[in-house]
Amino acid sequence: MSRRSYDQYCAVARALDAVGDRWTLLIVRELLGGARRYTDLHTDLPGVSTDMLASRLKDMEREGLVTRRRLAPPGAASVYELTPRGRELLPVLTALADWGAPALGEPRPTDAVRAHWFAVPLLTRLAAHFSGDPATPAAPGIGVLDVVLDEGTFHVTLGGDTPVYGDGPAPEPDVSLRMSTATCVDVAYDQVSLAHALESGRIAVTPAGEADAVSAGARGAGGTS
C-alpha cells in the first residue's frame, strides 16, 4: 500500500510526505540519542500504540530515515537507528522546539516527562557555553557532560560538526550538571542564560571523578531549584 502524498512539486511538501505523519518526528527525537530497541521506543513514547509505532518505523525505513540491525550475542535483539539523512533532522527539531517553547507553560497533569526530551533544545546552549569562546564564561576542555534531572540523566558530547546526546549517564563524563526540571526548561528556552544559572547556583557542577557518583544517585535524589 503506497503512502499518501501531497503530490506537490515543493520541497516543504516533499519533506512532509516523509516526516509529516503523527509520531514520526517524535521517533526521530528518540533516535537522536542513539540506537533503540522497539520496546525502548514504545516505553518513551507514551500514548503510541504498538501497531502505530511499527507502521511508522516501517515508513521511516522506506524513506531512508531509519535502519534496523541485529545486535551481536548476547544482546541478540534488533535495534533501530537513524541514517545520516535521518540525523539531518536535528536542526529541524531544534527549530520546532524553539518555536513551540512559548506554548509549553506549566506541565499539565496528563503530561509525561522524560529527562532526555530536553536534550534537543539544550544542545546548542551547552555547545555555545562550553565552546571555549573567550566571550563566554565557559570551561574549556569539556567534551562530555552529564545532565542530571529528577526524571533521569542524559549525556551530551560536544565537539565535531554538531553536538550529540545519549540517554543515561556517560561512561566517563568530564563534568556533571545537576538541576531541577524547571531550571532545565528555563535554560533550554532562553528564559535564563546557562551562565547565570551556573553563577546563581541553580545548576550544581560536579567535576570529573565525582560526576559518576552524582549520575548514579540522580534518580533517588531531588534536584537543585
Foldseek 3Di string as FASTA:
>chain_A
DDQDAPPDPDPVRVVCSQQVDPPRVVLLLQQLQDKDALVVSPVVPPPDDSVRSVVSVVSNVVVQQKDWDADDPPVRGIIIHGDPVNNVCLVVVLVVCLVCLVVCPDDDPPDDDAPSSLVSLCFVLVQVQQVPPPVHPHDDPFAKEWEFELRAIKMWGYDDPGITIHGAHDPWGQKYKFAYPVVSSCCSNVVDRPRVCVVVVRIDMDGTPCRVVCRVCRNPDHTRD
